[in-house]
Amino acid sequence: MIARIYQPARNAMTSGQGKTKIWVLEYVAAEAREVDPLMGWTGSGDTQSQVKMRFATKEAAMEYAKDKGIEAQVMDPNKRKPNIRAGGYGENFATSRKGPWTH
């Protein structure tokens, strides 16, 4: 069974970086999900796809996979450049503003 080791992306609805410092090991689905005709729920007989383990470092996740004989594919994150303004948030309320502050 193949597993993916990756660092999760930040939530698109926030600017915070919470829960993006950890590394996750998760198994790739071995079989497709199917829709239950009566209830409309999706399900699968593959219980490994429900397993998601979290590690502090990439090396710890890779070592765990190696010790347990799990074939792992490591996906390195694409880091974005931080968007830091010179004055920051406080600049919006500075008394030295050239024009009136409007919404």
Protein backbone atom coordinates (compact mmCIF):
# COMPACT_ATOMS: atom_id res chain seq x y z
CA MET A 1 0.00 0.00 0.00
CA ILE A 2 1.31 3.42 -0.96
CA ALA A 3 1.21 6.39 1.41
CA ARG A 4 1.68 10.13 0.88
CA ILE A 5 3.75 12.28 3.21
CA TYR A 6 2.95 15.97 2.90
CA GLN A 7 2.58 19.24 4.76
CA PRO A 8 -1.05 20.45 4.63
CA ALA A 9 -1.87 23.80 3.07
CA ARG A 10 -3.34 26.58 5.13
CA ASN A 11 -7.07 27.12 5.22
CA ALA A 12 -8.06 29.40 2.33
CA MET A 13 -10.49 31.31 4.55
CA THR A 14 -7.81 32.54 6.95
CA SER A 15 -4.44 34.22 6.71
CA GLY A 16 -3.05 32.24 9.65
CA GLN A 17 -0.50 29.47 9.37
CA GLY A 18 -1.98 27.17 12.04
CA LYS A 19 -1.80 23.41 11.39
CA THR A 20 0.66 23.90 8.53
CA LYS A 21 3.83 23.09 10.46
CA ILE A 22 3.04 19.39 10.88
CA TRP A 23 3.64 16.58 8.40
CA VAL A 24 0.90 14.09 7.56
CA LEU A 25 1.18 10.47 6.44
CA GLU A 26 -1.97 9.27 4.72
CA TYR A 27 -2.66 6.21 2.61
CA VAL A 28 -3.72 6.49 -1.00
CA ALA A 29 -7.15 4.96 -1.66
CA ALA A 30 -6.82 1.41 -2.98
CA GLU A 31 -10.34 1.27 -4.42
CA ALA A 32 -12.85 3.78 -5.68
CA ARG A 33 -15.64 5.05 -3.46
CA GLU A 34 -19.16 4.03 -4.33
CA VAL A 35 -22.51 5.64 -3.67
CA ASP A 36 -25.07 3.75 -1.60
CA PRO A 37 -28.26 3.60 -3.70
CA LEU A 38 -30.64 3.83 -0.73
CA MET A 39 -29.15 6.63 1.38
CA GLY A 40 -26.85 8.32 -1.11
CA TRP A 41 -23.84 8.08 1.20
CA THR A 42 -20.41 7.35 -0.20
CA GLY A 43 -18.44 4.44 1.14
CA SER A 44 -15.60 2.06 0.46
CA GLY A 45 -14.27 -1.23 1.73
CA ASP A 46 -10.81 0.31 2.03
CA THR A 47 -10.31 1.14 5.71
CA GLN A 48 -6.70 2.29 5.26
CA SER A 49 -7.88 5.44 3.46
CA GLN A 50 -9.30 6.63 6.81
CA VAL A 51 -5.89 6.56 8.50
CA LYS A 52 -4.13 9.93 8.80
CA MET A 53 -1.08 10.19 11.07
CA ARG A 54 0.59 13.45 12.07
CA PHE A 55 4.31 13.96 12.71
CA ALA A 56 6.38 16.92 13.88
CA THR A 57 8.98 16.59 11.10
CA LYS A 58 9.27 15.13 7.63
CA GLU A 59 12.15 12.92 8.80
CA ALA A 60 10.00 11.41 11.56
CA ALA A 61 7.26 10.55 9.05
CA MET A 62 9.78 9.03 6.62
CA GLU A 63 11.41 7.02 9.42
CA TYR A 64 8.03 5.66 10.54
CA ALA A 65 7.20 4.61 6.99
CA LYS A 66 10.59 2.93 6.60
CA ASP A 67 10.28 1.07 9.93
CA LYS A 68 6.81 -0.24 9.08
CA GLY A 69 7.72 -1.14 5.48
CA ILE A 70 5.32 1.40 3.96
CA GLU A 71 6.10 2.65 0.48
CA ALA A 72 5.86 6.42 0.85
CA GLN A 73 5.80 9.27 -1.64
CA VAL A 74 7.05 12.57 -0.16
CA MET A 75 5.47 15.75 -1.48
CA ASP A 76 7.41 18.88 -0.53
CA PRO A 77 5.30 22.02 0.02
CA ASN A 78 5.33 25.06 -2.24
CA LYS A 79 6.06 27.91 0.15
CA ARG A 80 4.61 31.31 -0.66
CA LYS A 81 6.42 34.55 -0.16
CA PRO A 82 5.14 36.40 2.93
CA ASN A 83 3.10 39.52 2.19
CA ILE A 84 4.36 42.03 4.74
CA ARG A 85 3.50 45.69 4.30
CA ALA A 86 5.89 48.37 5.49
CA GLY A 87 3.48 50.00 7.95
CA GLY A 88 1.40 46.95 8.71
CA TYR A 89 -2.20 47.01 9.91
CA GLY A 90 -1.67 50.00 12.18
CA GLU A 91 -0.97 52.18 9.16
CA ASN A 92 -4.70 52.13 8.38
CA PHE A 93 -5.37 54.18 11.52
CA ALA A 94 -2.31 56.46 11.54
CA THR A 95 -2.86 60.15 12.25
CA SER A 96 -0.43 61.09 9.50
CA ARG A 97 -2.62 59.76 6.69
CA LYS A 98 -2.82 61.97 3.59
CA GLY A 99 -6.52 61.33 2.91
CA PRO A 100 -9.58 60.36 4.93
CA TRP A 101 -10.00 56.71 5.74
CA THR A 102 -13.09 55.27 4.10
CA HIS A 103 -14.54 51.85 3.69
